[in-house]
PDB file of N, CA and C in Angstrom:
ATOM      1  N   MET A   1      77.464  66.557  73.488  1.00  0.00           N
ATOM      2  CA  MET A   1      77.874  67.407  73.303  1.00  0.00           C
ATOM      3  C   MET A   1      79.510  67.604  73.089  1.00  0.00           C
ATOM      4  N   ALA A   2      79.936  67.942  72.174  1.00  0.00           N
ATOM      5  CA  ALA A   2      81.382  67.992  71.946  1.00  0.00           C
ATOM      6  C   ALA A   2      82.042  68.947  72.772  1.00  0.00           C
ATOM      7  N   GLY A   3      81.592  70.132  72.746  1.00  0.00           N
ATOM      8  CA  GLY A   3      82.857  71.301  73.996  1.00  0.00           C
ATOM      9  C   GLY A   3      82.691  70.726  75.319  1.00  0.00           C
ATOM     10  N   LYS A   4      81.299  69.788  75.874  1.00  0.00           N
ATOM     11  CA  LYS A   4      81.330  70.208  77.182  1.00  0.00           C
ATOM     12  C   LYS A   4      82.031  68.618  77.910  1.00  0.00           C
ATOM     13  N   SER A   5      82.177  68.663  78.799  1.00  0.00           N
ATOM     14  CA  SER A   5      82.750  67.519  79.530  1.00  0.00           C
ATOM     15  C   SER A   5      81.032  66.327  80.284  1.00  0.00           C
ATOM     16  N   GLU A   6      81.800  65.699  80.059  1.00  0.00           N
ATOM     17  CA  GLU A   6      80.153  64.165  80.982  1.00  0.00           C
ATOM     18  C   GLU A   6      79.345  64.797  82.405  1.00  0.00           C
ATOM     19  N   ASP A   7      80.554  65.865  83.078  1.00  0.00           N
ATOM     20  CA  ASP A   7      79.805  66.056  84.117  1.00  0.00           C
ATOM     21  C   ASP A   7      79.528  67.475  83.914  1.00  0.00           C
ATOM     22  N   ALA A   8      79.798  68.343  83.191  1.00  0.00           N
ATOM     23  CA  ALA A   8      78.833  69.196  83.550  1.00  0.00           C
ATOM     24  C   ALA A   8      77.535  69.519  83.007  1.00  0.00           C
ATOM     25  N   PHE A   9      77.139  70.584  83.935  1.00  0.00           N
ATOM     26  CA  PHE A   9      75.829  70.878  83.545  1.00  0.00           C
ATOM     27  C   PHE A   9      75.089  71.181  82.632  1.00  0.00           C
ATOM     28  N   ARG A  10      73.800  71.234  82.036  1.00  0.00           N
ATOM     29  CA  ARG A  10      73.166  71.505  80.871  1.00  0.00           C
ATOM     30  C   ARG A  10      71.797  72.346  80.686  1.00  0.00           C
ATOM     31  N   THR A  11      71.943  72.970  79.499  1.00  0.00           N
ATOM     32  CA  THR A  11      71.096  74.094  79.654  1.00  0.00           C
ATOM     33  C   THR A  11      69.634  72.826  78.933  1.00  0.00           C
ATOM     34  N   ILE A  12      68.944  73.699  79.570  1.00  0.00           N
ATOM     35  CA  ILE A  12      67.349  72.923  78.384  1.00  0.00           C
ATOM     36  C   ILE A  12      67.278  72.855  77.107  1.00  0.00           C
ATOM     37  N   GLY A  13      68.168  73.812  76.575  1.00  0.00           N
ATOM     38  CA  GLY A  13      68.316  73.818  75.475  1.00  0.00           C
ATOM     39  C   GLY A  13      69.431  72.757  74.822  1.00  0.00           C
ATOM     40  N   GLU A  14      70.439  72.290  75.214  1.00  0.00           N
ATOM     41  CA  GLU A  14      71.029  71.476  75.405  1.00  0.00           C
ATOM     42  C   GLU A  14      70.786  70.115  75.768  1.00  0.00           C
ATOM     43  N   VAL A  15      69.615  70.162  76.540  1.00  0.00           N
ATOM     44  CA  VAL A  15      68.734  68.588  77.055  1.00  0.00           C
ATOM     45  C   VAL A  15      68.439  68.196  75.629  1.00  0.00           C
ATOM     46  N   ALA A  16      67.476  69.297  75.248  1.00  0.00           N
ATOM     47  CA  ALA A  16      66.293  69.372  74.315  1.00  0.00           C
ATOM     48  C   ALA A  16      66.599  68.446  72.882  1.00  0.00           C
ATOM     49  N   GLU A  17      68.356  69.410  72.875  1.00  0.00           N
ATOM     50  CA  GLU A  17      68.532  69.167  70.955  1.00  0.00           C
ATOM     51  C   GLU A  17      68.929  67.759  71.509  1.00  0.00           C
ATOM     52  N   GLU A  18      70.137  67.396  72.340  1.00  0.00           N
ATOM     53  CA  GLU A  18      70.577  66.065  72.503  1.00  0.00           C
ATOM     54  C   GLU A  18      69.145  64.764  72.294  1.00  0.00           C
ATOM     55  N   LEU A  19      68.228  65.225  72.710  1.00  0.00           N
ATOM     56  CA  LEU A  19      67.124  64.162  72.822  1.00  0.00           C
ATOM     57  C   LEU A  19      66.358  64.345  71.376  1.00  0.00           C
ATOM     58  N   GLY A  20      66.175  65.662  71.353  1.00  0.00           N
ATOM     59  CA  GLY A  20      65.710  65.637  69.789  1.00  0.00           C
ATOM     60  C   GLY A  20      64.497  66.104  70.232  1.00  0.00           C
ATOM     61  N   LEU A  21      63.853  66.941  71.356  1.00  0.00           N
ATOM     62  CA  LEU A  21      62.771  67.537  71.863  1.00  0.00           C
ATOM     63  C   LEU A  21      62.743  68.615  71.616  1.00  0.00           C
ATOM     64  N   PRO A  22      61.397  68.884  71.597  1.00  0.00           N
ATOM     65  CA  PRO A  22      61.377  70.383  72.203  1.00  0.00           C
ATOM     66  C   PRO A  22      61.500  70.698  73.783  1.00  0.00           C
ATOM     67  N   GLN A  23      61.649  71.662  73.680  1.00  0.00           N
ATOM     68  CA  GLN A  23      62.420  72.294  74.875  1.00  0.00           C
ATOM     69  C   GLN A  23      60.583  72.248  76.248  1.00  0.00           C
ATOM     70  N   HIS A  24      59.720  72.832  75.482  1.00  0.00           N
ATOM     71  CA  HIS A  24      58.584  72.294  76.530  1.00  0.00           C
ATOM     72  C   HIS A  24      57.982  70.990  76.841  1.00  0.00           C
ATOM     73  N   ILE A  25      58.156  70.337  76.213  1.00  0.00           N
ATOM     74  CA  ILE A  25      58.815  68.789  76.272  1.00  0.00           C
ATOM     75  C   ILE A  25      59.482  68.653  78.039  1.00  0.00           C
ATOM     76  N   LEU A  26      60.285  68.978  77.839  1.00  0.00           N
ATOM     77  CA  LEU A  26      61.156  69.218  78.831  1.00  0.00           C
ATOM     78  C   LEU A  26      60.740  69.653  80.500  1.00  0.00           C
ATOM     79  N   ARG A  27      59.956  70.796  80.222  1.00  0.00           N
ATOM     80  CA  ARG A  27      59.486  71.316  81.081  1.00  0.00           C
ATOM     81  C   ARG A  27      58.015  70.842  81.944  1.00  0.00           C
ATOM     82  N   TYR A  28      57.267  70.387  80.697  1.00  0.00           N
ATOM     83  CA  TYR A  28      56.088  69.224  80.786  1.00  0.00           C
ATOM     84  C   TYR A  28      56.791  68.327  81.674  1.00  0.00           C
ATOM     85  N   TRP A  29      57.735  67.707  81.486  1.00  0.00           N
ATOM     86  CA  TRP A  29      58.328  66.122  81.813  1.00  0.00           C
ATOM     87  C   TRP A  29      58.558  66.452  83.993  1.00  0.00           C
ATOM     88  N   GLU A  30      58.926  67.771  83.783  1.00  0.00           N
ATOM     89  CA  GLU A  30      58.970  68.404  85.001  1.00  0.00           C
ATOM     90  C   GLU A  30      57.324  68.346  86.552  1.00  0.00           C
ATOM     91  N   THR A  31      56.771  68.755  85.628  1.00  0.00           N
ATOM     92  CA  THR A  31      55.340  68.592  86.379  1.00  0.00           C
ATOM     93  C   THR A  31      54.848  67.616  86.178  1.00  0.00           C
ATOM     94  N   ARG A  32      55.073  66.839  85.273  1.00  0.00           N
ATOM     95  CA  ARG A  32      54.792  65.056  85.719  1.00  0.00           C
ATOM     96  C   ARG A  32      55.850  63.886  86.597  1.00  0.00           C
ATOM     97  N   PHE A  33      57.510  63.956  86.276  1.00  0.00           N
ATOM     98  CA  PHE A  33      57.896  63.371  87.407  1.00  0.00           C
ATOM     99  C   PHE A  33      58.785  64.294  88.704  1.00  0.00           C
ATOM    100  N   PRO A  34      58.348  64.192  89.619  1.00  0.00           N
ATOM    101  CA  PRO A  34      58.952  64.925  90.938  1.00  0.00           C
ATOM    102  C   PRO A  34      60.514  64.525  90.644  1.00  0.00           C
ATOM    103  N   GLN A  35      60.855  63.400  90.282  1.00  0.00           N
ATOM    104  CA  GLN A  35      61.900  63.286  90.432  1.00  0.00           C
ATOM    105  C   GLN A  35      62.990  63.772  89.459  1.00  0.00           C
ATOM    106  N   LEU A  36      62.921  64.692  88.371  1.00  0.00           N
ATOM    107  CA  LEU A  36      63.230  65.153  86.755  1.00  0.00           C
ATOM    108  C   LEU A  36      63.277  66.931  87.712  1.00  0.00           C
ATOM    109  N   ARG A  37      64.406  67.136  89.022  1.00  0.00           N
ATOM    110  CA  ARG A  37      64.530  68.339  89.525  1.00  0.00           C
ATOM    111  C   ARG A  37      65.521  69.247  89.071  1.00  0.00           C
ATOM    112  N   PRO A  38      65.796  69.681  87.769  1.00  0.00           N
ATOM    113  CA  PRO A  38      66.985  70.499  87.437  1.00  0.00           C
ATOM    114  C   PRO A  38      66.968  71.658  88.681  1.00  0.00           C
ATOM    115  N   LEU A  39      68.350  72.210  88.605  1.00  0.00           N
ATOM    116  CA  LEU A  39      68.665  73.747  89.032  1.00  0.00           C
ATOM    117  C   LEU A  39      68.141  74.638  88.243  1.00  0.00           C
ATOM    118  N   GLN A  40      67.723  75.180  89.226  1.00  0.00           N
ATOM    119  CA  GLN A  40      66.867  77.323  88.746  1.00  0.00           C
ATOM    120  C   GLN A  40      67.857  78.050  89.130  1.00  0.00           C
ATOM    121  N   ARG A  41      68.341  79.182  88.298  1.00  0.00           N
ATOM    122  CA  ARG A  41      68.482  80.210  88.507  1.00  0.00           C
ATOM    123  C   ARG A  41      67.858  81.040  88.504  1.00  0.00           C
ATOM    124  N   ALA A  42      68.605  82.114  88.655  1.00  0.00           N
ATOM    125  CA  ALA A  42      67.674  83.724  87.783  1.00  0.00           C
ATOM    126  C   ALA A  42      67.260  83.293  86.693  1.00  0.00           C
ATOM    127  N   GLY A  43      66.221  84.250  87.205  1.00  0.00           N
ATOM    128  CA  GLY A  43      65.314  84.026  85.411  1.00  0.00           C
ATOM    129  C   GLY A  43      64.398  82.420  85.132  1.00  0.00           C
ATOM    130  N   ASN A  44      64.561  81.489  86.175  1.00  0.00           N
ATOM    131  CA  ASN A  44      64.143  80.620  86.180  1.00  0.00           C
ATOM    132  C   ASN A  44      64.959  79.828  85.411  1.00  0.00           C
ATOM    133  N   ARG A  45      66.305  80.048  85.150  1.00  0.00           N
ATOM    134  CA  ARG A  45      67.367  79.321  84.000  1.00  0.00           C
ATOM    135  C   ARG A  45      67.693  77.735  84.568  1.00  0.00           C
ATOM    136  N   ARG A  46      67.145  77.179  83.577  1.00  0.00           N
ATOM    137  CA  ARG A  46      67.138  75.740  84.316  1.00  0.00           C
ATOM    138  C   ARG A  46      68.492  74.441  83.673  1.00  0.00           C
ATOM    139  N   TYR A  47      68.852  74.143  84.614  1.00  0.00           N
ATOM    140  CA  TYR A  47      70.786  73.879  84.433  1.00  0.00           C
ATOM    141  C   TYR A  47      70.550  71.994  84.783  1.00  0.00           C
ATOM    142  N   TYR A  48      70.935  71.579  83.733  1.00  0.00           N
ATOM    143  CA  TYR A  48      70.373  69.769  84.419  1.00  0.00           C
ATOM    144  C   TYR A  48      71.575  69.373  84.628  1.00  0.00           C
ATOM    145  N   ARG A  49      71.608  68.593  85.677  1.00  0.00           N
ATOM    146  CA  ARG A  49      73.045  67.648  86.474  1.00  0.00           C
ATOM    147  C   ARG A  49      72.946  66.230  84.880  1.00  0.00           C
ATOM    148  N   PRO A  50      74.366  65.857  85.067  1.00  0.00           N
ATOM    149  CA  PRO A  50      74.790  64.369  84.657  1.00  0.00           C
ATOM    150  C   PRO A  50      73.094  63.533  84.832  1.00  0.00           C
ATOM    151  N   ALA A  51      72.740  63.631  86.065  1.00  0.00           N
ATOM    152  CA  ALA A  51      71.606  62.840  86.816  1.00  0.00           C
ATOM    153  C   ALA A  51      70.140  63.039  86.461  1.00  0.00           C
ATOM    154  N   ASP A  52      69.939  64.428  86.116  1.00  0.00           N
ATOM    155  CA  ASP A  52      68.670  65.192  85.554  1.00  0.00           C
ATOM    156  C   ASP A  52      68.735  64.162  84.158  1.00  0.00           C
ATOM    157  N   VAL A  53      69.945  64.324  83.627  1.00  0.00           N
ATOM    158  CA  VAL A  53      70.059  64.223  81.520  1.00  0.00           C
ATOM    159  C   VAL A  53      70.021  62.340  81.681  1.00  0.00           C
ATOM    160  N   ALA A  54      70.725  61.847  82.548  1.00  0.00           N
ATOM    161  CA  ALA A  54      69.942  60.782  82.757  1.00  0.00           C
ATOM    162  C   ALA A  54      68.855  60.278  82.910  1.00  0.00           C
ATOM    163  N   LEU A  55      67.992  60.877  83.722  1.00  0.00           N
ATOM    164  CA  LEU A  55      66.648  60.383  83.393  1.00  0.00           C
ATOM    165  C   LEU A  55      65.962  61.197  82.344  1.00  0.00           C
ATOM    166  N   ALA A  56      66.418  62.549  81.720  1.00  0.00           N
ATOM    167  CA  ALA A  56      65.400  62.117  80.719  1.00  0.00           C
ATOM    168  C   ALA A  56      65.613  61.682  80.081  1.00  0.00           C
ATOM    169  N   LYS A  57      66.959  60.901  79.469  1.00  0.00           N
ATOM    170  CA  LYS A  57      67.044  60.222  78.654  1.00  0.00           C
ATOM    171  C   LYS A  57      66.075  59.143  78.768  1.00  0.00           C
ATOM    172  N   ARG A  58      65.656  59.027  80.222  1.00  0.00           N
ATOM    173  CA  ARG A  58      65.640  57.221  80.765  1.00  0.00           C
ATOM    174  C   ARG A  58      64.159  57.516  80.283  1.00  0.00           C
ATOM    175  N   ILE A  59      63.033  58.721  80.765  1.00  0.00           N
ATOM    176  CA  ILE A  59      61.591  59.225  80.217  1.00  0.00           C
ATOM    177  C   ILE A  59      61.575  59.105  78.981  1.00  0.00           C
ATOM    178  N   ASP A  60      62.653  59.449  78.215  1.00  0.00           N
ATOM    179  CA  ASP A  60      62.414  59.892  76.756  1.00  0.00           C
ATOM    180  C   ASP A  60      62.249  58.388  76.383  1.00  0.00           C
ATOM    181  N   GLY A  61      63.462  57.587  76.354  1.00  0.00           N
ATOM    182  CA  GLY A  61      63.203  56.066  76.045  1.00  0.00           C
ATOM    183  C   GLY A  61      61.947  55.175  76.269  1.00  0.00           C
ATOM    184  N   LEU A  62      61.258  55.351  77.749  1.00  0.00           N
ATOM    185  CA  LEU A  62      60.000  54.800  78.035  1.00  0.00           C
ATOM    186  C   LEU A  62      58.682  55.781  76.917  1.00  0.00           C
ATOM    187  N   LEU A  63      58.725  56.341  77.043  1.00  0.00           N
ATOM    188  CA  LEU A  63      57.721  56.926  76.503  1.00  0.00           C
ATOM    189  C   LEU A  63      58.141  56.820  75.010  1.00  0.00           C
ATOM    190  N   ASN A  64      58.768  56.962  74.166  1.00  0.00           N
ATOM    191  CA  ASN A  64      58.386  57.552  73.025  1.00  0.00           C
ATOM    192  C   ASN A  64      59.678  55.927  72.275  1.00  0.00           C
ATOM    193  N   ARG A  65      60.116  55.116  72.615  1.00  0.00           N
ATOM    194  CA  ARG A  65      61.037  54.386  71.668  1.00  0.00           C
ATOM    195  C   ARG A  65      60.381  52.746  72.923  1.00  0.00           C
ATOM    196  N   GLU A  66      60.005  52.827  74.069  1.00  0.00           N
ATOM    197  CA  GLU A  66      59.368  51.454  74.408  1.00  0.00           C
ATOM    198  C   GLU A  66      57.567  51.798  74.557  1.00  0.00           C
ATOM    199  N   GLY A  67      57.192  52.512  74.722  1.00  0.00           N
ATOM    200  CA  GLY A  67      56.051  52.590  74.399  1.00  0.00           C
ATOM    201  C   GLY A  67      55.086  53.232  76.024  1.00  0.00           C
ATOM    202  N   TYR A  68      55.252  53.021  76.961  1.00  0.00           N
ATOM    203  CA  TYR A  68      54.579  53.614  77.688  1.00  0.00           C
ATOM    204  C   TYR A  68      54.004  54.593  78.010  1.00  0.00           C
ATOM    205  N   THR A  69      53.573  54.549  79.481  1.00  0.00           N
ATOM    206  CA  THR A  69      52.484  56.187  78.846  1.00  0.00           C
ATOM    207  C   THR A  69      53.126  56.568  80.548  1.00  0.00           C
ATOM    208  N   ILE A  70      52.405  58.166  80.401  1.00  0.00           N
ATOM    209  CA  ILE A  70      53.328  59.009  81.109  1.00  0.00           C
ATOM    210  C   ILE A  70      52.672  58.086  82.662  1.00  0.00           C
ATOM    211  N   LYS A  71      51.690  57.363  83.128  1.00  0.00           N
ATOM    212  CA  LYS A  71      51.266  57.704  84.125  1.00  0.00           C
ATOM    213  C   LYS A  71      52.109  55.701  84.475  1.00  0.00           C
ATOM    214  N   GLY A  72      52.116  55.113  82.943  1.00  0.00           N
ATOM    215  CA  GLY A  72      53.259  53.954  83.357  1.00  0.00           C
ATOM    216  C   GLY A  72      54.470  54.104  84.026  1.00  0.00           C
ATOM    217  N   VAL A  73      55.085  55.165  83.375  1.00  0.00           N
ATOM    218  CA  VAL A  73      56.647  56.076  83.091  1.00  0.00           C
ATOM    219  C   VAL A  73      56.419  56.060  84.694  1.00  0.00           C
ATOM    220  N   GLN A  74      55.533  57.270  85.490  1.00  0.00           N
ATOM    221  CA  GLN A  74      55.221  57.463  86.900  1.00  0.00           C
ATOM    222  C   GLN A  74      55.496  56.270  87.673  1.00  0.00           C
ATOM    223  N   LYS A  75      54.597  54.946  87.567  1.00  0.00           N
ATOM    224  CA  LYS A  75      54.670  54.185  88.406  1.00  0.00           C
ATOM    225  C   LYS A  75      56.193  53.203  87.985  1.00  0.00           C
ATOM    226  N   LEU A  76      57.299  53.366  86.805  1.00  0.00           N
ATOM    227  CA  LEU A  76      58.185  52.618  87.178  1.00  0.00           C
ATOM    228  C   LEU A  76      59.091  53.303  88.145  1.00  0.00           C
ATOM    229  N   LEU A  77      58.872  54.746  88.314  1.00  0.00           N
ATOM    230  CA  LEU A  77      60.045  55.734  88.758  1.00  0.00           C
ATOM    231  C   LEU A  77      59.832  56.031  90.555  1.00  0.00           C
ATOM    232  N   ASN A  78      58.398  55.562  90.029  1.00  0.00           N
ATOM    233  CA  ASN A  78      58.401  55.493  91.787  1.00  0.00           C
ATOM    234  C   ASN A  78      58.591  54.295  92.629  1.00  0.00           C
ATOM    235  N   GLU A  79      58.708  52.950  91.661  1.00  0.00           N
ATOM    236  CA  GLU A  79      58.971  51.742  92.403  1.00  0.00           C
ATOM    237  C   GLU A  79      59.943  51.177  92.441  1.00  0.00           C
ATOM    238  N   GLY A  80      60.883  52.165  91.697  1.00  0.00           N
ATOM    239  CA  GLY A  80      62.520  51.915  91.998  1.00  0.00           C
ATOM    240  C   GLY A  80      63.306  52.681  90.859  1.00  0.00           C
ATOM    241  N   GLY A  81      62.934  53.451  89.728  1.00  0.00           N
ATOM    242  CA  GLY A  81      63.570  53.868  88.983  1.00  0.00           C
ATOM    243  C   GLY A  81      64.195  53.301  87.617  1.00  0.00           C
ATOM    244  N   THR A  82      63.749  51.934  87.276  1.00  0.00           N
ATOM    245  CA  THR A  82      64.271  51.357  86.167  1.00  0.00           C
ATOM    246  C   THR A  82      63.252  50.085  85.644  1.00  0.00           C
ATOM    247  N   ALA A  83      62.758  49.955  84.485  1.00  0.00           N
ATOM    248  CA  ALA A  83      62.206  49.217  83.721  1.00  0.00           C
ATOM    249  C   ALA A  83      62.607  47.814  83.466  1.00  0.00           C
ATOM    250  N   PRO A  84      62.319  46.606  83.530  1.00  0.00           N
ATOM    251  CA  PRO A  84      63.273  45.822  82.942  1.00  0.00           C
ATOM    252  C   PRO A  84      64.008  45.675  82.171  1.00  0.00           C
ATOM    253  N   VAL A  85      64.975  45.998  81.927  1.00  0.00           N
ATOM    254  CA  VAL A  85      65.697  46.160  80.254  1.00  0.00           C
ATOM    255  C   VAL A  85      66.140  44.525  79.394  1.00  0.00           C
ATOM    256  N   ALA A  86      66.210  43.930  80.188  1.00  0.00           N
ATOM    257  CA  ALA A  86      65.902  42.264  79.864  1.00  0.00           C
ATOM    258  C   ALA A  86      64.480  41.821  79.301  1.00  0.00           C
ATOM    259  N   ALA A  87      63.830  42.728  79.391  1.00  0.00           N
ATOM    260  CA  ALA A  87      62.282  42.392  78.775  1.00  0.00           C
ATOM    261  C   ALA A  87      62.263  42.882  77.841  1.00  0.00           C
ATOM    262  N   ALA A  88      63.094  43.946  77.046  1.00  0.00           N
ATOM    263  CA  ALA A  88      63.002  44.371  75.489  1.00  0.00           C
ATOM    264  C   ALA A  88      64.848  44.699  74.909  1.00  0.00           C
ATOM    265  N   PRO A  89      64.806  43.409  75.148  1.00  0.00           N
ATOM    266  CA  PRO A  89      66.645  43.791  74.478  1.00  0.00           C
ATOM    267  C   PRO A  89      66.710  44.789  73.318  1.00  0.00           C
ATOM    268  N   ALA A  90      65.752  43.836  72.039  1.00  0.00           N
ATOM    269  CA  ALA A  90      65.947  44.457  70.528  1.00  0.00           C
ATOM    270  C   ALA A  90      65.977  45.783  70.680  1.00  0.00           C
ATOM    271  N   ALA A  91      64.660  46.557  71.660  1.00  0.00           N
ATOM    272  CA  ALA A  91      64.126  47.963  71.661  1.00  0.00           C
ATOM    273  C   ALA A  91      66.080  49.004  72.774  1.00  0.00           C
ATOM    274  N   ASN A  92      66.892  48.267  73.078  1.00  0.00           N
ATOM    275  CA  ASN A  92      67.782  48.527  73.177  1.00  0.00           C
ATOM    276  C   ASN A  92      68.989  48.106  73.989  1.00  0.00           C
ATOM    277  N   PRO A  93      69.683  47.693  72.354  1.00  0.00           N
ATOM    278  CA  PRO A  93      70.627  46.752  72.148  1.00  0.00           C
ATOM    279  C   PRO A  93      72.132  46.849  73.077  1.00  0.00           C
ATOM    280  N   VAL A  94      72.705  48.223  73.324  1.00  0.00           N
ATOM    281  CA  VAL A  94      73.405  48.840  73.864  1.00  0.00           C
ATOM    282  C   VAL A  94      73.408  47.613  75.757  1.00  0.00           C
ATOM    283  N   ALA A  95      72.450  47.343  76.088  1.00  0.00           N
ATOM    284  CA  ALA A  95      71.912  46.919  77.270  1.00  0.00           C
ATOM    285  C   ALA A  95      72.610  45.816  77.344  1.00  0.00           C
ATOM    286  N   LEU A  96      72.398  44.856  76.172  1.00  0.00           N
ATOM    287  CA  LEU A  96      72.473  43.358  76.021  1.00  0.00           C
ATOM    288  C   LEU A  96      74.223  42.903  76.740  1.00  0.00           C
ATOM    289  N   PRO A  97      74.811  42.126  77.362  1.00  0.00           N
ATOM    290  CA  PRO A  97      75.952  41.492  77.550  1.00  0.00           C
ATOM    291  C   PRO A  97      77.023  41.724  76.554  1.00  0.00           C
ATOM    292  N   LEU A  98      78.073  42.230  76.891  1.00  0.00           N
ATOM    293  CA  LEU A  98      79.192  41.980  75.929  1.00  0.00           C
ATOM    294  C   LEU A  98      79.545  40.467  75.521  1.00  0.00           C
ATOM    295  N   ALA A  99      78.890  39.743  75.975  1.00  0.00           N
ATOM    296  CA  ALA A  99      79.375  38.164  75.451  1.00  0.00           C
ATOM    297  C   ALA A  99      78.261  37.774  74.986  1.00  0.00           C
ATOM    298  N   GLU A 100      76.747  38.164  75.164  1.00  0.00           N
ATOM    299  CA  GLU A 100      76.027  38.134  74.181  1.00  0.00           C
ATOM    300  C   GLU A 100      75.896  38.809  72.743  1.00  0.00           C
ATOM    301  N   LEU A 101      76.901  39.861  73.033  1.00  0.00           N
ATOM    302  CA  LEU A 101      76.728  40.848  71.805  1.00  0.00           C
ATOM    303  C   LEU A 101      77.636  39.725  70.823  1.00  0.00           C
ATOM    304  N   LYS A 102      78.623  39.642  71.468  1.00  0.00           N
ATOM    305  CA  LYS A 102      79.771  39.181  70.551  1.00  0.00           C
ATOM    306  C   LYS A 102      79.416  37.146  70.306  1.00  0.00           C
ATOM    307  N   ARG A 103      78.200  36.755  70.958  1.00  0.00           N
ATOM    308  CA  ARG A 103      77.866  35.370  70.469  1.00  0.00           C
ATOM    309  C   ARG A 103      77.094  35.501  69.269  1.00  0.00           C
ATOM    310  N   ILE A 104      76.107  36.403  68.794  1.00  0.00           N
ATOM    311  CA  ILE A 104      75.566  37.467  67.945  1.00  0.00           C
ATOM    312  C   ILE A 104      76.213  37.434  66.973  1.00  0.00           C
ATOM    313  N   ARG A 105      77.221  38.267  67.244  1.00  0.00           N
ATOM    314  CA  ARG A 105      78.052  38.698  66.069  1.00  0.00           C
ATOM    315  C   ARG A 105      78.792  37.268  65.954  1.00  0.00           C
ATOM    316  N   ALA A 106      79.039  35.994  66.405  1.00  0.00           N
ATOM    317  CA  ALA A 106      79.532  35.287  65.670  1.00  0.00           C
ATOM    318  C   ALA A 106      78.566  34.104  64.393  1.00  0.00           C
ATOM    319  N   LEU A 107      77.849  34.445  65.629  1.00  0.00           N
ATOM    320  CA  LEU A 107      76.406  33.573  64.461  1.00  0.00           C
ATOM    321  C   LEU A 107      76.637  34.446  62.452  1.00  0.00           C
ATOM    322  N   LEU A 108      75.991  35.378  63.165  1.00  0.00           N
ATOM    323  CA  LEU A 108      76.098  36.535  61.824  1.00  0.00           C
ATOM    324  C   LEU A 108      77.034  36.377  61.067  1.00  0.00           C
ATOM    325  N   ALA A 109      78.744  36.032  61.358  1.00  0.00           N
ATOM    326  CA  ALA A 109      79.543  36.034  60.780  1.00  0.00           C
ATOM    327  C   ALA A 109      79.792  34.740  60.121  1.00  0.00           C
ATOM    328  N   GLU A 110      78.916  33.453  61.312  1.00  0.00           N
ATOM    329  CA  GLU A 110      78.957  32.027  60.411  1.00  0.00           C
ATOM    330  C   GLU A 110      77.966  31.911  59.307  1.00  0.00           C
ATOM    331  N   ALA A 111      77.110  33.024  59.505  1.00  0.00           N
ATOM    332  CA  ALA A 111      75.706  32.862  58.412  1.00  0.00           C
ATOM    333  C   ALA A 111      76.340  33.116  56.874  1.00  0.00           C
ATOM    334  N   LEU A 112      76.732  34.298  57.291  1.00  0.00           N
ATOM    335  CA  LEU A 112      77.329  35.378  56.072  1.00  0.00           C
ATOM    336  C   LEU A 112      78.662  34.105  55.372  1.00  0.00           C
ATOM    337  N   GLU A 113      79.299  33.537  56.037  1.00  0.00           N
ATOM    338  CA  GLU A 113      80.181  32.595  55.171  1.00  0.00           C
ATOM    339  C   GLU A 113      79.569  31.162  54.449  1.00  0.00           C
ATOM    340  N   GLU A 114      78.508  30.749  55.441  1.00  0.00           N
ATOM    341  CA  GLU A 114      77.501  29.583  54.825  1.00  0.00           C
ATOM    342  C   GLU A 114      77.054  30.168  53.714  1.00  0.00           C
ATOM    343  N   ASP A 115      76.587  31.344  53.730  1.00  0.00           N
ATOM    344  CA  ASP A 115      75.877  32.232  52.288  1.00  0.00           C
ATOM    345  C   ASP A 115      76.482  32.638  51.067  1.00  0.00           C
ATOM    346  N   ALA A 116      77.987  32.590  51.355  1.00  0.00           N
ATOM    347  CA  ALA A 116      78.887  32.831  50.361  1.00  0.00           C
ATOM    348  C   ALA A 116      79.507  31.625  49.866  1.00  0.00           C
ATOM    349  N   ALA A 117      79.362  30.587  50.659  1.00  0.00           N
ATOM    350  CA  ALA A 117      79.798  29.632  50.278  1.00  0.00           C
ATOM    351  C   ALA A 117      78.679  28.667  49.030  1.00  0.00           C
ATOM    352  N   ALA A 118      77.565  28.708  49.459  1.00  0.00           N
ATOM    353  CA  ALA A 118      76.666  28.250  48.533  1.00  0.00           C
ATOM    354  C   ALA A 118      76.306  29.028  47.428  1.00  0.00           C
TER     355      ALA A 118
END
């Protein structure tokens, strides 16, 4: 969201757009994951706090990118909230330490130089 600060509350529409999901999926997740509890105001309008948005992103990543089932994600969240990121670094390259990314970049640059020299 370009116009809002990182600490601003988000509507369900904004969160759905950010995740690329329909709103009903977020409502469904609220029934399956008790940790996901946005504030509800008059008329049941949902307002997602930054922590809610982060949790929705984590659930989305686990379900739609890392291949977990609903039950699998429920178990992870109940056991402590996070999946081991090191187990699947290719699925989430941002989670790699900076030193590791620099090492990979150096290896790629070296390979390109060797390729150009050949």
